[in-house]
Amino acid sequence: MKRADEHREAQLIMGASQSKDKMHCTRYLDGQGPPSLAEAVRAEMPGSNVQNKKKVIKPGTQPDGGTLNWSIERRSLPGHPKCDTIQIIFHFEDGIQSEMHPHPGHRFRGSDTVAFLPQSTTGTRVLRLLDQAFQHRLLFTVVADGNSGEYCVRPADIPLKTRDTAGLDGLGYPDPSYMKTVKKCLAMKGIK
């Protein structure tokens, strides 16, 4: 029994996995491959130097003072018939543009934006990621309205589904690739 435990420990350290028939190497020969399971577990331990090297997320241009609230609605989104719906409400009051906005010192109009996600494992994960992006001020920005020229709060470059039904603008459901797309956009900003 002790020998089997030693063998399993050696596999974790070397980054190998074993099936009934074969032993598969999960690391590159030059040591540049992904970390072994043992290294990954050590990295997650409190006080680990690896844990402290996480990427710093650069804040966006979202105005201060916005709120994010969400609730569960007992209805499904098109394409997600077995899930309830997560409704997210983003609220921004009218305000004054800061140095990070197009016209510092000028007024901007606030907004209420409603977004939707399916209440699934992936949808709940995306909600957490969107909340993290909101805290880092990445979801919204101040822009000039295309019609009136008035400055207002609008979603930035992370896509939000602001319709709970289909539409030609791509802002609604069904959209089988949305969850993957939004997670990829968030990951590019350092939100994982």
N, C-alpha and C. Protein backbone atom coordinates (compact mmCIF):
# COMPACT_ATOMS: atom_id res chain seq x y z
N MET A 1 0.83 -1.20 0.00
CA MET A 1 0.00 0.00 0.00
C MET A 1 0.87 1.26 0.00
N LYS A 2 1.95 1.25 0.79
CA LYS A 2 2.82 2.41 0.86
C LYS A 2 3.45 2.69 -0.50
N ARG A 3 3.82 1.65 -1.22
CA ARG A 3 4.43 1.81 -2.54
C ARG A 3 3.45 2.45 -3.52
N ALA A 4 2.18 2.07 -3.48
CA ALA A 4 1.17 2.66 -4.36
C ALA A 4 1.00 4.15 -4.05
N ASP A 5 1.01 4.51 -2.77
CA ASP A 5 0.90 5.93 -2.38
C ASP A 5 2.10 6.72 -2.86
N GLU A 6 3.30 6.14 -2.74
CA GLU A 6 4.51 6.82 -3.21
C GLU A 6 4.45 7.02 -4.72
N HIS A 7 3.95 6.00 -5.43
CA HIS A 7 3.82 6.08 -6.89
C HIS A 7 2.85 7.20 -7.28
N ARG A 8 1.70 7.27 -6.58
CA ARG A 8 0.72 8.31 -6.86
C ARG A 8 1.29 9.70 -6.59
N GLU A 9 2.05 9.84 -5.48
CA GLU A 9 2.69 11.12 -5.14
C GLU A 9 3.69 11.51 -6.22
N ALA A 10 4.47 10.55 -6.70
CA ALA A 10 5.45 10.83 -7.75
C ALA A 10 4.75 11.28 -9.03
N GLN A 11 3.60 10.67 -9.33
CA GLN A 11 2.85 11.07 -10.52
C GLN A 11 2.37 12.51 -10.40
N LEU A 12 1.87 12.90 -9.23
CA LEU A 12 1.41 14.27 -9.03
C LEU A 12 2.55 15.26 -9.20
N ILE A 13 3.68 14.95 -8.62
CA ILE A 13 4.82 15.85 -8.70
C ILE A 13 5.34 15.96 -10.13
N MET A 14 5.37 14.83 -10.86
CA MET A 14 5.89 14.85 -12.23
C MET A 14 4.85 15.33 -13.24
N GLY A 15 3.60 15.43 -12.84
CA GLY A 15 2.57 15.88 -13.76
C GLY A 15 2.08 14.79 -14.66
N ALA A 16 2.10 13.55 -14.21
CA ALA A 16 1.66 12.44 -15.05
C ALA A 16 0.32 11.94 -14.55
N SER A 17 -0.44 11.35 -15.46
CA SER A 17 -1.68 10.70 -15.10
C SER A 17 -1.65 9.30 -15.69
N GLN A 18 -2.43 8.40 -15.11
CA GLN A 18 -2.36 7.02 -15.55
C GLN A 18 -3.76 6.47 -15.73
N SER A 19 -3.97 5.75 -16.81
CA SER A 19 -5.20 5.01 -17.01
C SER A 19 -4.85 3.54 -16.83
N LYS A 20 -5.81 2.63 -17.04
CA LYS A 20 -5.54 1.21 -16.94
C LYS A 20 -4.47 0.79 -17.94
N ASP A 21 -4.51 1.37 -19.12
CA ASP A 21 -3.66 0.90 -20.20
C ASP A 21 -2.37 1.68 -20.38
N LYS A 22 -2.38 2.97 -20.11
CA LYS A 22 -1.24 3.81 -20.46
C LYS A 22 -0.95 4.83 -19.37
N MET A 23 0.26 5.30 -19.39
CA MET A 23 0.64 6.43 -18.54
C MET A 23 0.84 7.61 -19.48
N HIS A 24 0.19 8.74 -19.20
CA HIS A 24 0.26 9.91 -20.06
C HIS A 24 1.01 11.02 -19.37
N CYS A 25 1.97 11.62 -20.04
CA CYS A 25 2.70 12.74 -19.49
C CYS A 25 1.91 14.01 -19.76
N THR A 26 1.67 14.79 -18.73
CA THR A 26 0.92 16.04 -18.90
C THR A 26 1.83 17.25 -18.84
N ARG A 27 3.14 17.05 -18.88
CA ARG A 27 4.10 18.15 -18.86
C ARG A 27 5.05 18.00 -20.04
N TYR A 28 5.60 19.09 -20.48
CA TYR A 28 6.57 19.07 -21.56
C TYR A 28 7.94 18.66 -21.01
N LEU A 29 8.76 18.07 -21.84
CA LEU A 29 10.06 17.57 -21.40
C LEU A 29 10.98 18.67 -20.90
N ASP A 30 10.87 19.87 -21.42
CA ASP A 30 11.78 20.94 -21.01
C ASP A 30 11.32 21.68 -19.76
N GLY A 31 10.27 21.20 -19.11
CA GLY A 31 9.80 21.81 -17.88
C GLY A 31 8.96 23.06 -18.07
N GLN A 32 8.60 23.39 -19.31
CA GLN A 32 7.84 24.60 -19.59
C GLN A 32 6.34 24.34 -19.71
N GLY A 33 5.91 23.16 -19.38
CA GLY A 33 4.50 22.80 -19.53
C GLY A 33 3.67 23.38 -18.40
N PRO A 34 2.40 23.02 -18.36
CA PRO A 34 1.53 23.50 -17.29
C PRO A 34 1.98 22.92 -15.96
N PRO A 35 1.64 23.57 -14.85
CA PRO A 35 2.07 23.06 -13.55
C PRO A 35 1.42 21.72 -13.25
N SER A 36 2.12 20.91 -12.48
CA SER A 36 1.54 19.64 -12.05
C SER A 36 0.42 19.93 -11.07
N LEU A 37 -0.39 18.92 -10.79
CA LEU A 37 -1.48 19.07 -9.83
C LEU A 37 -0.93 19.47 -8.46
N ALA A 38 0.18 18.86 -8.06
CA ALA A 38 0.77 19.18 -6.76
C ALA A 38 1.20 20.65 -6.71
N GLU A 39 1.81 21.15 -7.80
CA GLU A 39 2.22 22.55 -7.84
C GLU A 39 1.01 23.47 -7.81
N ALA A 40 -0.04 23.10 -8.54
CA ALA A 40 -1.25 23.91 -8.57
C ALA A 40 -1.90 23.99 -7.20
N VAL A 41 -1.93 22.86 -6.48
CA VAL A 41 -2.50 22.85 -5.13
C VAL A 41 -1.67 23.71 -4.20
N ARG A 42 -0.33 23.58 -4.29
CA ARG A 42 0.55 24.41 -3.45
C ARG A 42 0.35 25.89 -3.75
N ALA A 43 0.14 26.24 -5.01
CA ALA A 43 -0.02 27.64 -5.40
C ALA A 43 -1.28 28.26 -4.80
N GLU A 44 -2.30 27.44 -4.57
CA GLU A 44 -3.55 27.94 -4.02
C GLU A 44 -3.54 28.06 -2.50
N MET A 45 -2.50 27.54 -1.86
CA MET A 45 -2.44 27.57 -0.40
C MET A 45 -2.18 29.00 0.08
N PRO A 46 -2.85 29.43 1.18
CA PRO A 46 -2.61 30.77 1.72
C PRO A 46 -1.13 30.97 2.05
N GLY A 47 -0.63 32.16 1.77
CA GLY A 47 0.76 32.47 2.05
C GLY A 47 1.72 32.07 0.95
N SER A 48 1.21 31.43 -0.09
CA SER A 48 2.07 31.00 -1.20
C SER A 48 2.52 32.20 -2.00
N ASN A 49 3.79 32.22 -2.41
CA ASN A 49 4.30 33.30 -3.24
C ASN A 49 3.62 33.30 -4.59
N VAL A 50 3.28 32.14 -5.11
CA VAL A 50 2.62 32.04 -6.40
C VAL A 50 1.26 32.73 -6.34
N GLN A 51 0.54 32.57 -5.22
CA GLN A 51 -0.78 33.17 -5.07
C GLN A 51 -0.70 34.69 -5.12
N ASN A 52 0.40 35.27 -4.62
CA ASN A 52 0.54 36.72 -4.59
C ASN A 52 0.92 37.32 -5.93
N LYS A 53 1.21 36.51 -6.93
CA LYS A 53 1.63 37.01 -8.24
C LYS A 53 0.47 37.13 -9.22
N LYS A 54 -0.75 37.15 -8.72
CA LYS A 54 -1.91 37.28 -9.60
C LYS A 54 -1.87 38.61 -10.34
N LYS A 55 -2.40 38.60 -11.56
CA LYS A 55 -2.38 39.79 -12.41
C LYS A 55 -3.23 40.90 -11.79
N VAL A 56 -2.69 42.10 -11.82
CA VAL A 56 -3.43 43.27 -11.35
C VAL A 56 -4.36 43.72 -12.47
N ILE A 57 -5.61 43.93 -12.13
CA ILE A 57 -6.61 44.31 -13.12
C ILE A 57 -6.65 45.83 -13.22
N LYS A 58 -6.43 46.35 -14.41
CA LYS A 58 -6.44 47.79 -14.65
C LYS A 58 -7.89 48.28 -14.64
N PRO A 59 -8.23 49.27 -13.80
CA PRO A 59 -9.61 49.76 -13.76
C PRO A 59 -10.02 50.43 -15.06
N GLY A 60 -11.32 50.37 -15.35
CA GLY A 60 -11.85 50.98 -16.55
C GLY A 60 -12.33 52.40 -16.31
N THR A 61 -13.18 52.89 -17.19
CA THR A 61 -13.65 54.28 -17.14
C THR A 61 -15.11 54.40 -16.68
N GLN A 62 -15.59 53.38 -16.05
CA GLN A 62 -16.97 53.40 -15.55
C GLN A 62 -17.12 54.50 -14.50
N PRO A 63 -18.20 55.29 -14.57
CA PRO A 63 -18.39 56.35 -13.57
C PRO A 63 -18.54 55.77 -12.16
N ASP A 64 -18.13 56.53 -11.18
CA ASP A 64 -18.28 56.13 -9.78
C ASP A 64 -19.76 56.12 -9.39
N GLY A 65 -20.06 55.35 -8.37
CA GLY A 65 -21.39 55.41 -7.77
C GLY A 65 -22.46 54.54 -8.39
N GLY A 66 -22.13 53.72 -9.36
CA GLY A 66 -23.14 52.85 -9.95
C GLY A 66 -23.48 51.70 -9.02
N THR A 67 -24.63 51.08 -9.27
CA THR A 67 -25.03 49.91 -8.49
C THR A 67 -25.36 48.75 -9.42
N LEU A 68 -25.15 47.55 -8.92
CA LEU A 68 -25.51 46.32 -9.61
C LEU A 68 -26.39 45.53 -8.66
N ASN A 69 -27.60 45.23 -9.09
CA ASN A 69 -28.51 44.39 -8.31
C ASN A 69 -29.04 43.31 -9.23
N TRP A 70 -29.26 42.12 -8.68
CA TRP A 70 -29.79 41.04 -9.50
C TRP A 70 -30.88 40.29 -8.75
N SER A 71 -31.72 39.63 -9.54
CA SER A 71 -32.80 38.82 -8.97
C SER A 71 -33.06 37.64 -9.89
N ILE A 72 -33.77 36.66 -9.36
CA ILE A 72 -34.12 35.47 -10.14
C ILE A 72 -35.58 35.59 -10.56
N GLU A 73 -35.82 35.41 -11.85
CA GLU A 73 -37.19 35.40 -12.37
C GLU A 73 -37.55 33.97 -12.75
N ARG A 74 -38.74 33.56 -12.40
CA ARG A 74 -39.20 32.18 -12.66
C ARG A 74 -39.73 32.04 -14.08
N ARG A 75 -38.84 32.27 -15.04
CA ARG A 75 -39.15 32.07 -16.45
C ARG A 75 -37.84 31.78 -17.16
N SER A 76 -37.92 31.16 -18.31
CA SER A 76 -36.69 30.80 -19.01
C SER A 76 -36.42 31.74 -20.18
N LEU A 77 -35.16 31.80 -20.57
CA LEU A 77 -34.74 32.56 -21.74
C LEU A 77 -34.79 31.64 -22.96
N PRO A 78 -35.07 32.17 -24.15
CA PRO A 78 -35.02 31.34 -25.35
C PRO A 78 -33.64 30.68 -25.47
N GLY A 79 -33.64 29.37 -25.70
CA GLY A 79 -32.40 28.62 -25.79
C GLY A 79 -31.97 28.00 -24.48
N HIS A 80 -32.66 28.34 -23.37
CA HIS A 80 -32.35 27.81 -22.05
C HIS A 80 -33.65 27.39 -21.36
N PRO A 81 -34.37 26.42 -21.93
CA PRO A 81 -35.72 26.09 -21.44
C PRO A 81 -35.78 25.50 -20.03
N LYS A 82 -34.69 24.96 -19.54
CA LYS A 82 -34.72 24.31 -18.22
C LYS A 82 -34.17 25.19 -17.11
N CYS A 83 -33.89 26.47 -17.41
CA CYS A 83 -33.29 27.38 -16.43
C CYS A 83 -34.20 28.57 -16.16
N ASP A 84 -34.20 29.03 -14.92
CA ASP A 84 -34.82 30.30 -14.62
C ASP A 84 -33.91 31.40 -15.17
N THR A 85 -34.30 32.66 -14.98
CA THR A 85 -33.56 33.79 -15.54
C THR A 85 -32.97 34.65 -14.44
N ILE A 86 -31.71 35.01 -14.60
CA ILE A 86 -31.08 35.99 -13.71
C ILE A 86 -31.25 37.35 -14.39
N GLN A 87 -31.91 38.27 -13.71
CA GLN A 87 -32.06 39.64 -14.22
C GLN A 87 -31.12 40.53 -13.43
N ILE A 88 -30.25 41.25 -14.15
CA ILE A 88 -29.28 42.14 -13.52
C ILE A 88 -29.66 43.57 -13.87
N ILE A 89 -29.74 44.42 -12.86
CA ILE A 89 -30.05 45.84 -13.08
C ILE A 89 -28.84 46.67 -12.68
N PHE A 90 -28.31 47.41 -13.65
CA PHE A 90 -27.20 48.33 -13.43
C PHE A 90 -27.78 49.74 -13.39
N HIS A 91 -27.47 50.51 -12.36
CA HIS A 91 -28.03 51.86 -12.22
C HIS A 91 -26.91 52.88 -12.01
N PHE A 92 -26.99 53.98 -12.77
CA PHE A 92 -26.08 55.10 -12.63
C PHE A 92 -26.88 56.38 -12.56
N GLU A 93 -26.59 57.21 -11.56
CA GLU A 93 -27.20 58.54 -11.45
C GLU A 93 -26.51 59.48 -12.44
N ASP A 94 -27.18 60.60 -12.75
CA ASP A 94 -26.52 61.66 -13.52
C ASP A 94 -25.29 62.11 -12.74
N GLY A 95 -24.27 62.60 -13.46
CA GLY A 95 -23.06 63.02 -12.76
C GLY A 95 -22.20 63.95 -13.59
N ILE A 96 -21.00 64.17 -13.10
CA ILE A 96 -20.01 65.03 -13.75
C ILE A 96 -18.85 64.14 -14.21
N GLN A 97 -18.42 64.34 -15.44
CA GLN A 97 -17.33 63.55 -15.99
C GLN A 97 -16.03 63.84 -15.25
N SER A 98 -15.25 62.79 -15.05
CA SER A 98 -13.95 62.94 -14.40
C SER A 98 -12.85 62.98 -15.46
N GLU A 99 -11.61 63.00 -15.03
CA GLU A 99 -10.46 63.09 -15.94
C GLU A 99 -10.38 61.93 -16.92
N MET A 100 -10.97 60.79 -16.58
CA MET A 100 -10.89 59.63 -17.46
C MET A 100 -11.97 59.63 -18.56
N HIS A 101 -12.84 60.62 -18.55
CA HIS A 101 -13.94 60.69 -19.51
C HIS A 101 -13.66 61.71 -20.62
N PRO A 102 -14.47 61.70 -21.69
CA PRO A 102 -14.20 62.56 -22.85
C PRO A 102 -14.16 64.06 -22.56
N HIS A 103 -15.07 64.57 -21.69
CA HIS A 103 -15.14 66.00 -21.38
C HIS A 103 -15.16 66.21 -19.87
N PRO A 104 -13.99 66.15 -19.22
CA PRO A 104 -13.95 66.32 -17.76
C PRO A 104 -14.63 67.62 -17.33
N GLY A 105 -15.42 67.50 -16.26
CA GLY A 105 -16.12 68.66 -15.72
C GLY A 105 -17.50 68.87 -16.31
N HIS A 106 -17.82 68.22 -17.42
CA HIS A 106 -19.15 68.33 -18.03
C HIS A 106 -20.08 67.25 -17.49
N ARG A 107 -21.36 67.53 -17.58
CA ARG A 107 -22.37 66.60 -17.07
C ARG A 107 -22.51 65.37 -17.97
N PHE A 108 -22.98 64.28 -17.39
CA PHE A 108 -23.41 63.12 -18.17
C PHE A 108 -24.72 62.62 -17.59
N ARG A 109 -25.51 62.00 -18.46
CA ARG A 109 -26.80 61.44 -18.06
C ARG A 109 -26.60 60.01 -17.59
N GLY A 110 -27.16 59.68 -16.45
CA GLY A 110 -27.07 58.32 -15.91
C GLY A 110 -27.94 57.37 -16.72
N SER A 111 -28.00 56.14 -16.29
CA SER A 111 -28.80 55.16 -17.02
C SER A 111 -29.19 54.00 -16.12
N ASP A 112 -30.21 53.30 -16.55
CA ASP A 112 -30.60 52.02 -15.99
C ASP A 112 -30.49 51.01 -17.13
N THR A 113 -29.67 49.99 -16.94
CA THR A 113 -29.50 48.95 -17.94
C THR A 113 -29.88 47.63 -17.32
N VAL A 114 -30.70 46.86 -18.02
CA VAL A 114 -31.11 45.54 -17.55
C VAL A 114 -30.46 44.50 -18.45
N ALA A 115 -29.83 43.51 -17.84
CA ALA A 115 -29.20 42.42 -18.59
C ALA A 115 -29.74 41.09 -18.07
N PHE A 116 -29.61 40.04 -18.90
CA PHE A 116 -30.18 38.74 -18.57
C PHE A 116 -29.16 37.63 -18.76
N LEU A 117 -29.24 36.64 -17.85
CA LEU A 117 -28.44 35.43 -17.95
C LEU A 117 -29.32 34.25 -17.57
N PRO A 118 -29.04 33.07 -18.11
CA PRO A 118 -29.76 31.89 -17.63
C PRO A 118 -29.24 31.51 -16.24
N GLN A 119 -30.12 31.04 -15.37
CA GLN A 119 -29.67 30.61 -14.05
C GLN A 119 -29.21 29.16 -14.14
N SER A 120 -28.01 29.01 -14.65
CA SER A 120 -27.36 27.71 -14.77
C SER A 120 -26.01 27.83 -14.08
N THR A 121 -25.26 26.75 -14.05
CA THR A 121 -23.92 26.81 -13.46
C THR A 121 -23.08 27.86 -14.18
N THR A 122 -23.11 27.83 -15.50
CA THR A 122 -22.33 28.79 -16.28
C THR A 122 -22.87 30.20 -16.11
N GLY A 123 -24.19 30.36 -16.13
CA GLY A 123 -24.79 31.68 -15.96
C GLY A 123 -24.44 32.30 -14.62
N THR A 124 -24.46 31.49 -13.56
CA THR A 124 -24.11 31.98 -12.23
C THR A 124 -22.64 32.37 -12.19
N ARG A 125 -21.78 31.59 -12.84
CA ARG A 125 -20.35 31.93 -12.91
C ARG A 125 -20.15 33.26 -13.66
N VAL A 126 -20.87 33.43 -14.77
CA VAL A 126 -20.76 34.68 -15.54
C VAL A 126 -21.26 35.85 -14.70
N LEU A 127 -22.32 35.66 -13.92
CA LEU A 127 -22.80 36.72 -13.02
C LEU A 127 -21.69 37.15 -12.06
N ARG A 128 -20.99 36.19 -11.47
CA ARG A 128 -19.89 36.52 -10.55
C ARG A 128 -18.79 37.29 -11.28
N LEU A 129 -18.48 36.86 -12.51
CA LEU A 129 -17.45 37.54 -13.30
C LEU A 129 -17.88 38.96 -13.66
N LEU A 130 -19.16 39.12 -14.04
CA LEU A 130 -19.66 40.46 -14.37
C LEU A 130 -19.63 41.36 -13.14
N ASP A 131 -19.95 40.82 -11.98
CA ASP A 131 -19.89 41.60 -10.75
C ASP A 131 -18.45 42.04 -10.49
N GLN A 132 -17.50 41.14 -10.70
CA GLN A 132 -16.09 41.47 -10.52
C GLN A 132 -15.68 42.57 -11.50
N ALA A 133 -16.12 42.45 -12.76
CA ALA A 133 -15.81 43.48 -13.77
C ALA A 133 -16.44 44.81 -13.38
N PHE A 134 -17.64 44.78 -12.83
CA PHE A 134 -18.32 45.99 -12.38
C PHE A 134 -17.51 46.66 -11.27
N GLN A 135 -17.02 45.86 -10.32
CA GLN A 135 -16.22 46.40 -9.21
C GLN A 135 -14.92 47.03 -9.71
N HIS A 136 -14.40 46.54 -10.83
CA HIS A 136 -13.19 47.11 -11.43
C HIS A 136 -13.51 48.19 -12.46
N ARG A 137 -14.78 48.57 -12.54
CA ARG A 137 -15.23 49.68 -13.39
C ARG A 137 -15.00 49.41 -14.88
N LEU A 138 -15.25 48.16 -15.30
CA LEU A 138 -14.99 47.76 -16.68
C LEU A 138 -16.24 47.62 -17.54
N LEU A 139 -17.42 47.60 -16.96
CA LEU A 139 -18.63 47.29 -17.73
C LEU A 139 -19.25 48.48 -18.45
N PHE A 140 -19.08 49.68 -17.92
CA PHE A 140 -19.73 50.86 -18.50
C PHE A 140 -18.71 51.97 -18.71
N THR A 141 -19.11 52.94 -19.52
CA THR A 141 -18.26 54.11 -19.76
C THR A 141 -19.17 55.29 -20.10
N VAL A 142 -18.59 56.46 -20.25
CA VAL A 142 -19.33 57.66 -20.65
C VAL A 142 -19.01 57.94 -22.11
N VAL A 143 -20.05 58.06 -22.94
CA VAL A 143 -19.88 58.34 -24.37
C VAL A 143 -20.92 59.36 -24.81
N ALA A 144 -20.68 59.96 -25.97
CA ALA A 144 -21.65 60.89 -26.54
C ALA A 144 -22.74 60.08 -27.23
N ASP A 145 -23.99 60.43 -26.98
CA ASP A 145 -25.12 59.78 -27.64
C ASP A 145 -25.07 60.10 -29.13
N GLY A 146 -25.26 59.10 -29.97
CA GLY A 146 -25.19 59.28 -31.42
C GLY A 146 -26.24 60.21 -31.98
N ASN A 147 -27.38 60.34 -31.32
CA ASN A 147 -28.47 61.18 -31.83
C ASN A 147 -28.42 62.60 -31.26
N SER A 148 -28.33 62.70 -29.94
CA SER A 148 -28.42 64.02 -29.31
C SER A 148 -27.05 64.67 -29.04
N GLY A 149 -25.99 63.88 -29.03
CA GLY A 149 -24.68 64.41 -28.70
C GLY A 149 -24.46 64.56 -27.20
N GLU A 150 -25.50 64.30 -26.42
CA GLU A 150 -25.42 64.39 -24.96
C GLU A 150 -24.58 63.23 -24.44
N TYR A 151 -23.75 63.49 -23.42
CA TYR A 151 -22.94 62.43 -22.83
C TYR A 151 -23.78 61.60 -21.88
N CYS A 152 -23.61 60.28 -21.98
CA CYS A 152 -24.41 59.37 -21.16
C CYS A 152 -23.62 58.10 -20.85
N VAL A 153 -24.11 57.34 -19.89
CA VAL A 153 -23.49 56.08 -19.49
C VAL A 153 -24.01 54.98 -20.40
N ARG A 154 -23.08 54.22 -20.99
CA ARG A 154 -23.43 53.12 -21.89
C ARG A 154 -22.51 51.93 -21.59
N PRO A 155 -22.96 50.72 -21.92
CA PRO A 155 -22.06 49.57 -21.76
C PRO A 155 -20.77 49.78 -22.55
N ALA A 156 -19.66 49.34 -21.97
CA ALA A 156 -18.35 49.44 -22.63
C ALA A 156 -18.21 48.28 -23.61
N ASP A 157 -17.06 47.67 -23.69
CA ASP A 157 -16.81 46.65 -24.71
C ASP A 157 -17.02 45.21 -24.24
N ILE A 158 -17.52 45.00 -23.04
CA ILE A 158 -17.87 43.65 -22.59
C ILE A 158 -19.35 43.46 -22.92
N PRO A 159 -19.69 42.45 -23.74
CA PRO A 159 -21.07 42.31 -24.20
C PRO A 159 -22.04 41.94 -23.07
N LEU A 160 -23.20 42.57 -23.11
CA LEU A 160 -24.30 42.27 -22.18
C LEU A 160 -25.52 41.91 -23.01
N LYS A 161 -26.28 40.94 -22.55
CA LYS A 161 -27.55 40.59 -23.21
C LYS A 161 -28.64 41.42 -22.54
N THR A 162 -29.05 42.51 -23.21
CA THR A 162 -30.02 43.44 -22.64
C THR A 162 -31.44 43.19 -23.13
N ARG A 163 -31.62 42.13 -23.89
CA ARG A 163 -32.96 41.70 -24.31
C ARG A 163 -33.16 40.25 -23.89
N ASP A 164 -34.36 39.94 -23.45
CA ASP A 164 -34.63 38.56 -23.07
C ASP A 164 -35.29 37.77 -24.20
N THR A 165 -35.37 38.39 -25.37
CA THR A 165 -35.89 37.71 -26.56
C THR A 165 -34.95 37.99 -27.73
N ALA A 166 -35.21 37.36 -28.84
CA ALA A 166 -34.35 37.53 -30.01
C ALA A 166 -34.50 38.92 -30.62
N GLY A 167 -33.47 39.35 -31.30
CA GLY A 167 -33.49 40.62 -32.00
C GLY A 167 -32.37 40.64 -33.02
N LEU A 168 -32.50 41.49 -34.00
CA LEU A 168 -31.49 41.58 -35.04
C LEU A 168 -30.19 42.21 -34.56
N ASP A 169 -30.23 42.90 -33.42
CA ASP A 169 -29.04 43.60 -32.93
C ASP A 169 -28.07 42.71 -32.16
N GLY A 170 -28.41 41.45 -31.93
CA GLY A 170 -27.53 40.54 -31.21
C GLY A 170 -27.52 40.73 -29.71
N LEU A 171 -28.46 41.51 -29.19
CA LEU A 171 -28.49 41.79 -27.76
C LEU A 171 -29.41 40.86 -26.98
N GLY A 172 -30.00 39.88 -27.66
CA GLY A 172 -30.95 39.00 -27.00
C GLY A 172 -30.62 37.53 -27.14
N TYR A 173 -31.54 36.72 -26.68
CA TYR A 173 -31.41 35.26 -26.73
C TYR A 173 -32.38 34.74 -27.77
N PRO A 174 -32.13 33.57 -28.36
CA PRO A 174 -31.05 32.62 -28.05
C PRO A 174 -29.73 33.03 -28.70
N ASP A 175 -28.65 32.71 -28.02
CA ASP A 175 -27.30 32.94 -28.53
C ASP A 175 -26.41 31.88 -27.90
N PRO A 176 -26.23 30.76 -28.58
CA PRO A 176 -25.48 29.64 -28.00
C PRO A 176 -24.01 29.95 -27.71
N SER A 177 -23.46 30.98 -28.32
CA SER A 177 -22.04 31.28 -28.09
C SER A 177 -21.82 32.41 -27.07
N TYR A 178 -22.89 33.00 -26.54
CA TYR A 178 -22.72 34.17 -25.66
C TYR A 178 -21.88 33.89 -24.42
N MET A 179 -22.16 32.81 -23.72
CA MET A 179 -21.44 32.54 -22.46
C MET A 179 -19.93 32.42 -22.74
N LYS A 180 -19.57 31.74 -23.78
CA LYS A 180 -18.16 31.58 -24.14
C LYS A 180 -17.56 32.93 -24.54
N THR A 181 -18.32 33.71 -25.31
CA THR A 181 -17.84 35.02 -25.77
C THR A 181 -17.62 35.98 -24.61
N VAL A 182 -18.58 36.07 -23.70
CA VAL A 182 -18.45 37.02 -22.58
C VAL A 182 -17.32 36.59 -21.65
N LYS A 183 -17.16 35.29 -21.39
CA LYS A 183 -16.06 34.84 -20.54
C LYS A 183 -14.71 35.16 -21.18
N LYS A 184 -14.63 35.02 -22.51
CA LYS A 184 -13.39 35.34 -23.22
C LYS A 184 -13.08 36.84 -23.11
N CYS A 185 -14.09 37.69 -23.30
CA CYS A 185 -13.91 39.14 -23.18
C CYS A 185 -13.47 39.52 -21.76
N LEU A 186 -14.08 38.91 -20.77
CA LEU A 186 -13.73 39.19 -19.38
C LEU A 186 -12.30 38.73 -19.08
N ALA A 187 -11.93 37.55 -19.59
CA ALA A 187 -10.58 37.02 -19.37
C ALA A 187 -9.53 37.95 -19.97
N MET A 188 -9.85 38.55 -21.13
CA MET A 188 -8.91 39.48 -21.76
C MET A 188 -8.66 40.71 -20.87
N LYS A 189 -9.63 41.03 -20.01
CA LYS A 189 -9.48 42.16 -19.07
C LYS A 189 -8.88 41.72 -17.73
N GLY A 190 -8.59 40.43 -17.61
CA GLY A 190 -8.01 39.91 -16.37
C GLY A 190 -9.03 39.37 -15.39
N ILE A 191 -10.30 39.31 -15.77
CA ILE A 191 -11.37 38.80 -14.91
C ILE A 191 -11.56 37.32 -15.23
N LYS A 192 -11.21 36.46 -14.28
CA LYS A 192 -11.31 35.00 -14.50
C LYS A 192 -11.95 34.33 -13.34
